mmCIF file of all heavy atoms, coordinates in Angstrom:
data_MODEL
# 
_entry.id   MODEL 
# 
loop_
_atom_site.group_PDB 
_atom_site.id 
_atom_site.type_symbol 
_atom_site.label_atom_id 
_atom_site.label_alt_id 
_atom_site.label_comp_id 
_atom_site.label_asym_id 
_atom_site.label_entity_id 
_atom_site.label_seq_id 
_atom_site.pdbx_PDB_ins_code 
_atom_site.Cartn_x 
_atom_site.Cartn_y 
_atom_site.Cartn_z 
_atom_site.occupancy 
_atom_site.B_iso_or_equiv 
_atom_site.pdbx_formal_charge 
_atom_site.auth_seq_id 
_atom_site.auth_comp_id 
_atom_site.auth_asym_id 
_atom_site.auth_atom_id 
_atom_site.pdbx_PDB_model_num 
ATOM 1   N N   . MET A 1 1  ? 49.693 42.620 -25.820 1.00 0.00 ? 1  MET A N   1 
ATOM 2   C CA  . MET A 1 1  ? 48.471 42.685 -26.602 1.00 0.00 ? 1  MET A CA  1 
ATOM 3   C C   . MET A 1 1  ? 47.526 43.829 -26.302 1.00 0.00 ? 1  MET A C   1 
ATOM 4   O O   . MET A 1 1  ? 47.590 44.276 -25.128 1.00 0.00 ? 1  MET A O   1 
ATOM 5   C CB  . MET A 1 1  ? 47.663 41.402 -26.454 1.00 0.00 ? 1  MET A CB  1 
ATOM 6   C CG  . MET A 1 1  ? 48.383 40.175 -27.080 1.00 0.00 ? 1  MET A CG  1 
ATOM 7   S SD  . MET A 1 1  ? 47.537 38.610 -27.034 1.00 0.00 ? 1  MET A SD  1 
ATOM 8   C CE  . MET A 1 1  ? 45.858 38.920 -26.529 1.00 0.00 ? 1  MET A CE  1 
ATOM 9   N N   . ALA A 1 2  ? 46.868 44.346 -27.193 1.00 0.00 ? 2  ALA A N   1 
ATOM 10  C CA  . ALA A 1 2  ? 46.014 45.425 -26.921 1.00 0.00 ? 2  ALA A CA  1 
ATOM 11  C C   . ALA A 1 2  ? 44.798 44.946 -26.165 1.00 0.00 ? 2  ALA A C   1 
ATOM 12  O O   . ALA A 1 2  ? 44.354 43.832 -26.200 1.00 0.00 ? 2  ALA A O   1 
ATOM 13  C CB  . ALA A 1 2  ? 45.465 46.114 -28.198 1.00 0.00 ? 2  ALA A CB  1 
ATOM 14  N N   . GLU A 1 3  ? 44.189 45.906 -25.353 1.00 0.00 ? 3  GLU A N   1 
ATOM 15  C CA  . GLU A 1 3  ? 43.013 45.562 -24.543 1.00 0.00 ? 3  GLU A CA  1 
ATOM 16  C C   . GLU A 1 3  ? 41.889 44.987 -25.532 1.00 0.00 ? 3  GLU A C   1 
ATOM 17  O O   . GLU A 1 3  ? 41.656 45.503 -26.530 1.00 0.00 ? 3  GLU A O   1 
ATOM 18  C CB  . GLU A 1 3  ? 42.570 46.802 -23.857 1.00 0.00 ? 3  GLU A CB  1 
ATOM 19  C CG  . GLU A 1 3  ? 41.375 46.535 -22.882 1.00 0.00 ? 3  GLU A CG  1 
ATOM 20  C CD  . GLU A 1 3  ? 40.974 47.748 -22.133 1.00 0.00 ? 3  GLU A CD  1 
ATOM 21  O OE1 . GLU A 1 3  ? 41.837 48.574 -21.859 1.00 0.00 ? 3  GLU A OE1 1 
ATOM 22  O OE2 . GLU A 1 3  ? 39.864 47.757 -21.746 1.00 0.00 ? 3  GLU A OE2 1 
ATOM 23  N N   . GLY A 1 4  ? 41.367 43.875 -25.037 1.00 0.00 ? 4  GLY A N   1 
ATOM 24  C CA  . GLY A 1 4  ? 40.305 43.207 -25.795 1.00 0.00 ? 4  GLY A CA  1 
ATOM 25  C C   . GLY A 1 4  ? 40.713 42.188 -26.772 1.00 0.00 ? 4  GLY A C   1 
ATOM 26  O O   . GLY A 1 4  ? 39.940 41.425 -27.304 1.00 0.00 ? 4  GLY A O   1 
ATOM 27  N N   . GLN A 1 5  ? 42.036 42.100 -27.059 1.00 0.00 ? 5  GLN A N   1 
ATOM 28  C CA  . GLN A 1 5  ? 42.550 41.067 -27.954 1.00 0.00 ? 5  GLN A CA  1 
ATOM 29  C C   . GLN A 1 5  ? 42.729 39.751 -27.217 1.00 0.00 ? 5  GLN A C   1 
ATOM 30  O O   . GLN A 1 5  ? 42.942 39.778 -25.992 1.00 0.00 ? 5  GLN A O   1 
ATOM 31  C CB  . GLN A 1 5  ? 43.870 41.495 -28.559 1.00 0.00 ? 5  GLN A CB  1 
ATOM 32  C CG  . GLN A 1 5  ? 43.777 42.594 -29.634 1.00 0.00 ? 5  GLN A CG  1 
ATOM 33  C CD  . GLN A 1 5  ? 45.120 42.780 -30.236 1.00 0.00 ? 5  GLN A CD  1 
ATOM 34  O OE1 . GLN A 1 5  ? 46.145 42.683 -29.616 1.00 0.00 ? 5  GLN A OE1 1 
ATOM 35  N NE2 . GLN A 1 5  ? 45.134 42.994 -31.579 1.00 0.00 ? 5  GLN A NE2 1 
ATOM 36  N N   . ARG A 1 6  ? 42.571 38.713 -27.997 1.00 0.00 ? 6  ARG A N   1 
ATOM 37  C CA  . ARG A 1 6  ? 42.803 37.336 -27.323 1.00 0.00 ? 6  ARG A CA  1 
ATOM 38  C C   . ARG A 1 6  ? 44.058 36.721 -27.973 1.00 0.00 ? 6  ARG A C   1 
ATOM 39  O O   . ARG A 1 6  ? 44.281 36.857 -29.194 1.00 0.00 ? 6  ARG A O   1 
ATOM 40  C CB  . ARG A 1 6  ? 41.662 36.449 -27.602 1.00 0.00 ? 6  ARG A CB  1 
ATOM 41  C CG  . ARG A 1 6  ? 40.409 36.923 -26.910 1.00 0.00 ? 6  ARG A CG  1 
ATOM 42  C CD  . ARG A 1 6  ? 39.181 36.006 -27.092 1.00 0.00 ? 6  ARG A CD  1 
ATOM 43  N NE  . ARG A 1 6  ? 39.631 34.704 -26.572 1.00 0.00 ? 6  ARG A NE  1 
ATOM 44  C CZ  . ARG A 1 6  ? 38.865 33.651 -26.711 1.00 0.00 ? 6  ARG A CZ  1 
ATOM 45  N NH1 . ARG A 1 6  ? 37.722 33.676 -27.381 1.00 0.00 ? 6  ARG A NH1 1 
ATOM 46  N NH2 . ARG A 1 6  ? 39.218 32.486 -26.254 1.00 0.00 ? 6  ARG A NH2 1 
ATOM 47  N N   . ALA A 1 7  ? 44.779 35.950 -27.207 1.00 0.00 ? 7  ALA A N   1 
ATOM 48  C CA  . ALA A 1 7  ? 45.938 35.314 -27.652 1.00 0.00 ? 7  ALA A CA  1 
ATOM 49  C C   . ALA A 1 7  ? 45.428 34.086 -28.544 1.00 0.00 ? 7  ALA A C   1 
ATOM 50  O O   . ALA A 1 7  ? 44.345 33.607 -28.415 1.00 0.00 ? 7  ALA A O   1 
ATOM 51  C CB  . ALA A 1 7  ? 46.743 34.701 -26.584 1.00 0.00 ? 7  ALA A CB  1 
ATOM 52  N N   . LEU A 1 8  ? 46.226 33.754 -29.546 1.00 0.00 ? 8  LEU A N   1 
ATOM 53  C CA  . LEU A 1 8  ? 46.036 32.648 -30.419 1.00 0.00 ? 8  LEU A CA  1 
ATOM 54  C C   . LEU A 1 8  ? 46.432 31.438 -29.672 1.00 0.00 ? 8  LEU A C   1 
ATOM 55  O O   . LEU A 1 8  ? 47.545 31.239 -29.176 1.00 0.00 ? 8  LEU A O   1 
ATOM 56  C CB  . LEU A 1 8  ? 46.807 32.770 -31.686 1.00 0.00 ? 8  LEU A CB  1 
ATOM 57  C CG  . LEU A 1 8  ? 46.732 31.534 -32.686 1.00 0.00 ? 8  LEU A CG  1 
ATOM 58  C CD1 . LEU A 1 8  ? 45.405 31.322 -33.177 1.00 0.00 ? 8  LEU A CD1 1 
ATOM 59  C CD2 . LEU A 1 8  ? 47.825 31.743 -33.786 1.00 0.00 ? 8  LEU A CD2 1 
ATOM 60  N N   . ALA A 1 9  ? 45.509 30.396 -29.518 1.00 0.00 ? 9  ALA A N   1 
ATOM 61  C CA  . ALA A 1 9  ? 45.771 29.148 -28.945 1.00 0.00 ? 9  ALA A CA  1 
ATOM 62  C C   . ALA A 1 9  ? 45.902 28.106 -29.946 1.00 0.00 ? 9  ALA A C   1 
ATOM 63  O O   . ALA A 1 9  ? 45.086 27.921 -30.835 1.00 0.00 ? 9  ALA A O   1 
ATOM 64  C CB  . ALA A 1 9  ? 44.598 28.859 -27.983 1.00 0.00 ? 9  ALA A CB  1 
ATOM 65  N N   . VAL A 1 10 ? 47.042 27.407 -29.803 1.00 0.00 ? 10 VAL A N   1 
ATOM 66  C CA  . VAL A 1 10 ? 47.312 26.305 -30.700 1.00 0.00 ? 10 VAL A CA  1 
ATOM 67  C C   . VAL A 1 10 ? 47.571 25.113 -29.863 1.00 0.00 ? 10 VAL A C   1 
ATOM 68  O O   . VAL A 1 10 ? 48.371 25.006 -28.950 1.00 0.00 ? 10 VAL A O   1 
ATOM 69  C CB  . VAL A 1 10 ? 48.553 26.573 -31.580 1.00 0.00 ? 10 VAL A CB  1 
ATOM 70  C CG1 . VAL A 1 10 ? 48.893 25.484 -32.520 1.00 0.00 ? 10 VAL A CG1 1 
ATOM 71  C CG2 . VAL A 1 10 ? 48.438 27.862 -32.362 1.00 0.00 ? 10 VAL A CG2 1 
ATOM 72  N N   . TYR A 1 11 ? 46.859 23.968 -30.356 1.00 0.00 ? 11 TYR A N   1 
ATOM 73  C CA  . TYR A 1 11 ? 46.957 22.679 -29.552 1.00 0.00 ? 11 TYR A CA  1 
ATOM 74  C C   . TYR A 1 11 ? 47.763 21.711 -30.287 1.00 0.00 ? 11 TYR A C   1 
ATOM 75  O O   . TYR A 1 11 ? 47.816 21.653 -31.506 1.00 0.00 ? 11 TYR A O   1 
ATOM 76  C CB  . TYR A 1 11 ? 45.513 22.115 -29.401 1.00 0.00 ? 11 TYR A CB  1 
ATOM 77  C CG  . TYR A 1 11 ? 44.597 22.911 -28.624 1.00 0.00 ? 11 TYR A CG  1 
ATOM 78  C CD1 . TYR A 1 11 ? 43.727 23.908 -29.198 1.00 0.00 ? 11 TYR A CD1 1 
ATOM 79  C CD2 . TYR A 1 11 ? 44.523 22.765 -27.173 1.00 0.00 ? 11 TYR A CD2 1 
ATOM 80  C CE1 . TYR A 1 11 ? 42.877 24.617 -28.433 1.00 0.00 ? 11 TYR A CE1 1 
ATOM 81  C CE2 . TYR A 1 11 ? 43.678 23.601 -26.488 1.00 0.00 ? 11 TYR A CE2 1 
ATOM 82  C CZ  . TYR A 1 11 ? 42.786 24.453 -27.075 1.00 0.00 ? 11 TYR A CZ  1 
ATOM 83  O OH  . TYR A 1 11 ? 41.970 25.221 -26.381 1.00 0.00 ? 11 TYR A OH  1 
ATOM 84  N N   . ALA A 1 12 ? 48.398 20.810 -29.528 1.00 0.00 ? 12 ALA A N   1 
ATOM 85  C CA  . ALA A 1 12 ? 49.015 19.573 -30.190 1.00 0.00 ? 12 ALA A CA  1 
ATOM 86  C C   . ALA A 1 12 ? 47.860 18.847 -30.905 1.00 0.00 ? 12 ALA A C   1 
ATOM 87  O O   . ALA A 1 12 ? 46.717 18.852 -30.330 1.00 0.00 ? 12 ALA A O   1 
ATOM 88  C CB  . ALA A 1 12 ? 49.774 18.762 -29.073 1.00 0.00 ? 12 ALA A CB  1 
ATOM 89  N N   . ASP A 1 13 ? 48.192 18.179 -31.929 1.00 0.00 ? 13 ASP A N   1 
ATOM 90  C CA  . ASP A 1 13 ? 47.130 17.463 -32.683 1.00 0.00 ? 13 ASP A CA  1 
ATOM 91  C C   . ASP A 1 13 ? 46.308 16.591 -31.775 1.00 0.00 ? 13 ASP A C   1 
ATOM 92  O O   . ASP A 1 13 ? 45.059 16.575 -31.852 1.00 0.00 ? 13 ASP A O   1 
ATOM 93  C CB  . ASP A 1 13 ? 47.777 16.618 -33.846 1.00 0.00 ? 13 ASP A CB  1 
ATOM 94  C CG  . ASP A 1 13 ? 48.155 17.408 -34.957 1.00 0.00 ? 13 ASP A CG  1 
ATOM 95  O OD1 . ASP A 1 13 ? 47.729 18.551 -35.149 1.00 0.00 ? 13 ASP A OD1 1 
ATOM 96  O OD2 . ASP A 1 13 ? 48.987 16.906 -35.772 1.00 0.00 ? 13 ASP A OD2 1 
ATOM 97  N N   . GLU A 1 14 ? 46.958 15.877 -30.950 1.00 0.00 ? 14 GLU A N   1 
ATOM 98  C CA  . GLU A 1 14 ? 46.261 14.858 -30.071 1.00 0.00 ? 14 GLU A CA  1 
ATOM 99  C C   . GLU A 1 14 ? 45.528 15.535 -28.884 1.00 0.00 ? 14 GLU A C   1 
ATOM 100 O O   . GLU A 1 14 ? 44.717 14.954 -28.206 1.00 0.00 ? 14 GLU A O   1 
ATOM 101 C CB  . GLU A 1 14 ? 47.263 13.876 -29.503 1.00 0.00 ? 14 GLU A CB  1 
ATOM 102 C CG  . GLU A 1 14 ? 47.966 13.064 -30.597 1.00 0.00 ? 14 GLU A CG  1 
ATOM 103 C CD  . GLU A 1 14 ? 49.154 13.787 -31.198 1.00 0.00 ? 14 GLU A CD  1 
ATOM 104 O OE1 . GLU A 1 14 ? 49.528 14.931 -30.824 1.00 0.00 ? 14 GLU A OE1 1 
ATOM 105 O OE2 . GLU A 1 14 ? 49.768 13.143 -32.095 1.00 0.00 ? 14 GLU A OE2 1 
ATOM 106 N N   . CYS A 1 15 ? 45.837 16.807 -28.627 1.00 0.00 ? 15 CYS A N   1 
ATOM 107 C CA  . CYS A 1 15 ? 45.223 17.477 -27.449 1.00 0.00 ? 15 CYS A CA  1 
ATOM 108 C C   . CYS A 1 15 ? 44.231 18.537 -27.811 1.00 0.00 ? 15 CYS A C   1 
ATOM 109 O O   . CYS A 1 15 ? 43.812 19.278 -27.005 1.00 0.00 ? 15 CYS A O   1 
ATOM 110 C CB  . CYS A 1 15 ? 46.337 18.097 -26.658 1.00 0.00 ? 15 CYS A CB  1 
ATOM 111 S SG  . CYS A 1 15 ? 47.500 16.954 -25.947 1.00 0.00 ? 15 CYS A SG  1 
ATOM 112 N N   . ASP A 1 16 ? 43.846 18.613 -29.108 1.00 0.00 ? 16 ASP A N   1 
ATOM 113 C CA  . ASP A 1 16 ? 42.911 19.540 -29.503 1.00 0.00 ? 16 ASP A CA  1 
ATOM 114 C C   . ASP A 1 16 ? 41.468 19.183 -29.166 1.00 0.00 ? 16 ASP A C   1 
ATOM 115 O O   . ASP A 1 16 ? 41.008 18.124 -29.651 1.00 0.00 ? 16 ASP A O   1 
ATOM 116 C CB  . ASP A 1 16 ? 42.923 19.738 -31.069 1.00 0.00 ? 16 ASP A CB  1 
ATOM 117 C CG  . ASP A 1 16 ? 42.119 20.943 -31.659 1.00 0.00 ? 16 ASP A CG  1 
ATOM 118 O OD1 . ASP A 1 16 ? 41.290 21.391 -30.846 1.00 0.00 ? 16 ASP A OD1 1 
ATOM 119 O OD2 . ASP A 1 16 ? 42.488 21.304 -32.721 1.00 0.00 ? 16 ASP A OD2 1 
ATOM 120 N N   . PRO A 1 17 ? 40.691 20.009 -28.292 1.00 0.00 ? 17 PRO A N   1 
ATOM 121 C CA  . PRO A 1 17 ? 39.446 19.535 -27.889 1.00 0.00 ? 17 PRO A CA  1 
ATOM 122 C C   . PRO A 1 17 ? 38.412 19.521 -29.062 1.00 0.00 ? 17 PRO A C   1 
ATOM 123 O O   . PRO A 1 17 ? 37.346 18.903 -28.870 1.00 0.00 ? 17 PRO A O   1 
ATOM 124 C CB  . PRO A 1 17 ? 39.041 20.556 -26.800 1.00 0.00 ? 17 PRO A CB  1 
ATOM 125 C CG  . PRO A 1 17 ? 40.011 21.704 -27.059 1.00 0.00 ? 17 PRO A CG  1 
ATOM 126 C CD  . PRO A 1 17 ? 41.233 21.057 -27.706 1.00 0.00 ? 17 PRO A CD  1 
ATOM 127 N N   . LYS A 1 18 ? 38.703 20.208 -30.150 1.00 0.00 ? 18 LYS A N   1 
ATOM 128 C CA  . LYS A 1 18 ? 37.769 20.138 -31.306 1.00 0.00 ? 18 LYS A CA  1 
ATOM 129 C C   . LYS A 1 18 ? 37.843 18.853 -32.103 1.00 0.00 ? 18 LYS A C   1 
ATOM 130 O O   . LYS A 1 18 ? 36.905 18.573 -32.764 1.00 0.00 ? 18 LYS A O   1 
ATOM 131 C CB  . LYS A 1 18 ? 38.080 21.407 -32.204 1.00 0.00 ? 18 LYS A CB  1 
ATOM 132 C CG  . LYS A 1 18 ? 37.723 22.708 -31.535 1.00 0.00 ? 18 LYS A CG  1 
ATOM 133 C CD  . LYS A 1 18 ? 38.027 23.861 -32.442 1.00 0.00 ? 18 LYS A CD  1 
ATOM 134 C CE  . LYS A 1 18 ? 37.789 25.158 -31.744 1.00 0.00 ? 18 LYS A CE  1 
ATOM 135 N NZ  . LYS A 1 18 ? 38.403 26.285 -32.456 1.00 0.00 ? 18 LYS A NZ  1 
ATOM 136 N N   . THR A 1 19 ? 38.999 18.206 -32.003 1.00 0.00 ? 19 THR A N   1 
ATOM 137 C CA  . THR A 1 19 ? 39.203 17.014 -32.919 1.00 0.00 ? 19 THR A CA  1 
ATOM 138 C C   . THR A 1 19 ? 39.406 15.718 -32.164 1.00 0.00 ? 19 THR A C   1 
ATOM 139 O O   . THR A 1 19 ? 39.352 14.679 -32.752 1.00 0.00 ? 19 THR A O   1 
ATOM 140 C CB  . THR A 1 19 ? 40.359 17.248 -33.814 1.00 0.00 ? 19 THR A CB  1 
ATOM 141 O OG1 . THR A 1 19 ? 41.569 17.446 -32.965 1.00 0.00 ? 19 THR A OG1 1 
ATOM 142 C CG2 . THR A 1 19 ? 40.172 18.428 -34.779 1.00 0.00 ? 19 THR A CG2 1 
ATOM 143 N N   . ASN A 1 20 ? 39.632 15.793 -30.891 1.00 0.00 ? 20 ASN A N   1 
ATOM 144 C CA  . ASN A 1 20 ? 39.985 14.541 -30.088 1.00 0.00 ? 20 ASN A CA  1 
ATOM 145 C C   . ASN A 1 20 ? 38.997 14.512 -28.920 1.00 0.00 ? 20 ASN A C   1 
ATOM 146 O O   . ASN A 1 20 ? 39.285 15.277 -27.848 1.00 0.00 ? 20 ASN A O   1 
ATOM 147 C CB  . ASN A 1 20 ? 41.357 14.426 -29.692 1.00 0.00 ? 20 ASN A CB  1 
ATOM 148 C CG  . ASN A 1 20 ? 41.727 13.186 -28.948 1.00 0.00 ? 20 ASN A CG  1 
ATOM 149 O OD1 . ASN A 1 20 ? 40.825 12.317 -28.739 1.00 0.00 ? 20 ASN A OD1 1 
ATOM 150 N ND2 . ASN A 1 20 ? 42.951 13.001 -28.669 1.00 0.00 ? 20 ASN A ND2 1 
ATOM 151 N N   . PRO A 1 21 ? 38.042 13.724 -28.752 1.00 0.00 ? 21 PRO A N   1 
ATOM 152 C CA  . PRO A 1 21 ? 37.140 13.672 -27.599 1.00 0.00 ? 21 PRO A CA  1 
ATOM 153 C C   . PRO A 1 21 ? 37.944 13.227 -26.330 1.00 0.00 ? 21 PRO A C   1 
ATOM 154 O O   . PRO A 1 21 ? 37.469 13.465 -25.221 1.00 0.00 ? 21 PRO A O   1 
ATOM 155 C CB  . PRO A 1 21 ? 36.144 12.612 -27.972 1.00 0.00 ? 21 PRO A CB  1 
ATOM 156 C CG  . PRO A 1 21 ? 36.507 11.874 -29.112 1.00 0.00 ? 21 PRO A CG  1 
ATOM 157 C CD  . PRO A 1 21 ? 37.595 12.750 -29.828 1.00 0.00 ? 21 PRO A CD  1 
ATOM 158 N N   . ASP A 1 22 ? 39.119 12.543 -26.476 1.00 0.00 ? 22 ASP A N   1 
ATOM 159 C CA  . ASP A 1 22 ? 39.894 12.174 -25.336 1.00 0.00 ? 22 ASP A CA  1 
ATOM 160 C C   . ASP A 1 22 ? 41.039 13.124 -25.045 1.00 0.00 ? 22 ASP A C   1 
ATOM 161 O O   . ASP A 1 22 ? 42.043 12.745 -24.504 1.00 0.00 ? 22 ASP A O   1 
ATOM 162 C CB  . ASP A 1 22 ? 40.422 10.727 -25.469 1.00 0.00 ? 22 ASP A CB  1 
ATOM 163 C CG  . ASP A 1 22 ? 39.286 9.711  -25.507 1.00 0.00 ? 22 ASP A CG  1 
ATOM 164 O OD1 . ASP A 1 22 ? 38.287 9.924  -24.699 1.00 0.00 ? 22 ASP A OD1 1 
ATOM 165 O OD2 . ASP A 1 22 ? 39.418 8.788  -26.192 1.00 0.00 ? 22 ASP A OD2 1 
ATOM 166 N N   . HIS A 1 23 ? 40.911 14.325 -25.512 1.00 0.00 ? 23 HIS A N   1 
ATOM 167 C CA  . HIS A 1 23 ? 42.067 15.272 -25.511 1.00 0.00 ? 23 HIS A CA  1 
ATOM 168 C C   . HIS A 1 23 ? 42.509 15.478 -24.061 1.00 0.00 ? 23 HIS A C   1 
ATOM 169 O O   . HIS A 1 23 ? 43.688 15.513 -23.767 1.00 0.00 ? 23 HIS A O   1 
ATOM 170 C CB  . HIS A 1 23 ? 41.701 16.607 -26.065 1.00 0.00 ? 23 HIS A CB  1 
ATOM 171 C CG  . HIS A 1 23 ? 40.625 17.353 -25.273 1.00 0.00 ? 23 HIS A CG  1 
ATOM 172 N ND1 . HIS A 1 23 ? 39.280 17.131 -25.361 1.00 0.00 ? 23 HIS A ND1 1 
ATOM 173 C CD2 . HIS A 1 23 ? 40.728 18.360 -24.381 1.00 0.00 ? 23 HIS A CD2 1 
ATOM 174 C CE1 . HIS A 1 23 ? 38.654 17.924 -24.562 1.00 0.00 ? 23 HIS A CE1 1 
ATOM 175 N NE2 . HIS A 1 23 ? 39.462 18.710 -23.946 1.00 0.00 ? 23 HIS A NE2 1 
ATOM 176 N N   . TRP A 1 24 ? 41.713 15.606 -23.109 1.00 0.00 ? 24 TRP A N   1 
ATOM 177 C CA  . TRP A 1 24 ? 42.107 15.838 -21.712 1.00 0.00 ? 24 TRP A CA  1 
ATOM 178 C C   . TRP A 1 24 ? 42.853 14.655 -21.111 1.00 0.00 ? 24 TRP A C   1 
ATOM 179 O O   . TRP A 1 24 ? 43.905 14.929 -20.580 1.00 0.00 ? 24 TRP A O   1 
ATOM 180 C CB  . TRP A 1 24 ? 40.854 16.092 -20.768 1.00 0.00 ? 24 TRP A CB  1 
ATOM 181 C CG  . TRP A 1 24 ? 41.250 16.613 -19.434 1.00 0.00 ? 24 TRP A CG  1 
ATOM 182 C CD1 . TRP A 1 24 ? 41.510 17.880 -19.104 1.00 0.00 ? 24 TRP A CD1 1 
ATOM 183 C CD2 . TRP A 1 24 ? 41.400 15.824 -18.306 1.00 0.00 ? 24 TRP A CD2 1 
ATOM 184 N NE1 . TRP A 1 24 ? 41.841 17.969 -17.795 1.00 0.00 ? 24 TRP A NE1 1 
ATOM 185 C CE2 . TRP A 1 24 ? 41.757 16.773 -17.214 1.00 0.00 ? 24 TRP A CE2 1 
ATOM 186 C CE3 . TRP A 1 24 ? 41.396 14.478 -17.975 1.00 0.00 ? 24 TRP A CE3 1 
ATOM 187 C CZ2 . TRP A 1 24 ? 42.043 16.258 -15.961 1.00 0.00 ? 24 TRP A CZ2 1 
ATOM 188 C CZ3 . TRP A 1 24 ? 41.557 14.061 -16.728 1.00 0.00 ? 24 TRP A CZ3 1 
ATOM 189 C CH2 . TRP A 1 24 ? 41.999 14.954 -15.663 1.00 0.00 ? 24 TRP A CH2 1 
ATOM 190 N N   . HIS A 1 25 ? 42.453 13.482 -21.435 1.00 0.00 ? 25 HIS A N   1 
ATOM 191 C CA  . HIS A 1 25 ? 43.183 12.311 -20.929 1.00 0.00 ? 25 HIS A CA  1 
ATOM 192 C C   . HIS A 1 25 ? 44.564 12.122 -21.553 1.00 0.00 ? 25 HIS A C   1 
ATOM 193 O O   . HIS A 1 25 ? 45.601 11.831 -20.923 1.00 0.00 ? 25 HIS A O   1 
ATOM 194 C CB  . HIS A 1 25 ? 42.382 11.112 -21.016 1.00 0.00 ? 25 HIS A CB  1 
ATOM 195 C CG  . HIS A 1 25 ? 41.088 11.066 -20.280 1.00 0.00 ? 25 HIS A CG  1 
ATOM 196 N ND1 . HIS A 1 25 ? 41.006 11.038 -18.950 1.00 0.00 ? 25 HIS A ND1 1 
ATOM 197 C CD2 . HIS A 1 25 ? 39.824 11.245 -20.668 1.00 0.00 ? 25 HIS A CD2 1 
ATOM 198 C CE1 . HIS A 1 25 ? 39.820 11.139 -18.564 1.00 0.00 ? 25 HIS A CE1 1 
ATOM 199 N NE2 . HIS A 1 25 ? 39.066 11.221 -19.608 1.00 0.00 ? 25 HIS A NE2 1 
ATOM 200 N N   . TYR A 1 26 ? 44.568 12.359 -22.873 1.00 0.00 ? 26 TYR A N   1 
ATOM 201 C CA  . TYR A 1 26 ? 45.819 12.336 -23.596 1.00 0.00 ? 26 TYR A CA  1 
ATOM 202 C C   . TYR A 1 26 ? 46.803 13.379 -23.042 1.00 0.00 ? 26 TYR A C   1 
ATOM 203 O O   . TYR A 1 26 ? 47.974 13.136 -22.793 1.00 0.00 ? 26 TYR A O   1 
ATOM 204 C CB  . TYR A 1 26 ? 45.602 12.497 -25.059 1.00 0.00 ? 26 TYR A CB  1 
ATOM 205 C CG  . TYR A 1 26 ? 46.817 12.269 -25.926 1.00 0.00 ? 26 TYR A CG  1 
ATOM 206 C CD1 . TYR A 1 26 ? 47.124 11.058 -26.468 1.00 0.00 ? 26 TYR A CD1 1 
ATOM 207 C CD2 . TYR A 1 26 ? 47.743 13.306 -26.147 1.00 0.00 ? 26 TYR A CD2 1 
ATOM 208 C CE1 . TYR A 1 26 ? 48.181 10.845 -27.265 1.00 0.00 ? 26 TYR A CE1 1 
ATOM 209 C CE2 . TYR A 1 26 ? 48.935 13.022 -26.928 1.00 0.00 ? 26 TYR A CE2 1 
ATOM 210 C CZ  . TYR A 1 26 ? 49.147 11.867 -27.361 1.00 0.00 ? 26 TYR A CZ  1 
ATOM 211 O OH  . TYR A 1 26 ? 50.261 11.643 -28.190 1.00 0.00 ? 26 TYR A OH  1 
ATOM 212 N N   . LYS A 1 27 ? 46.371 14.603 -22.840 1.00 0.00 ? 27 LYS A N   1 
ATOM 213 C CA  . LYS A 1 27 ? 47.223 15.648 -22.381 1.00 0.00 ? 27 LYS A CA  1 
ATOM 214 C C   . LYS A 1 27 ? 47.782 15.326 -21.025 1.00 0.00 ? 27 LYS A C   1 
ATOM 215 O O   . LYS A 1 27 ? 48.939 15.527 -20.763 1.00 0.00 ? 27 LYS A O   1 
ATOM 216 C CB  . LYS A 1 27 ? 46.376 16.944 -22.323 1.00 0.00 ? 27 LYS A CB  1 
ATOM 217 C CG  . LYS A 1 27 ? 47.257 18.194 -21.987 1.00 0.00 ? 27 LYS A CG  1 
ATOM 218 C CD  . LYS A 1 27 ? 46.820 18.537 -20.530 1.00 0.00 ? 27 LYS A CD  1 
ATOM 219 C CE  . LYS A 1 27 ? 47.701 19.679 -20.027 1.00 0.00 ? 27 LYS A CE  1 
ATOM 220 N NZ  . LYS A 1 27 ? 48.462 19.339 -18.865 1.00 0.00 ? 27 LYS A NZ  1 
# 
């Protein structure tokens, strides 16, 4: 990746911190 670019992060449905408040425990 070029300097300053960020990798795309994709979460498992159940482990997405934006959609599952218990994502950390599930993971």
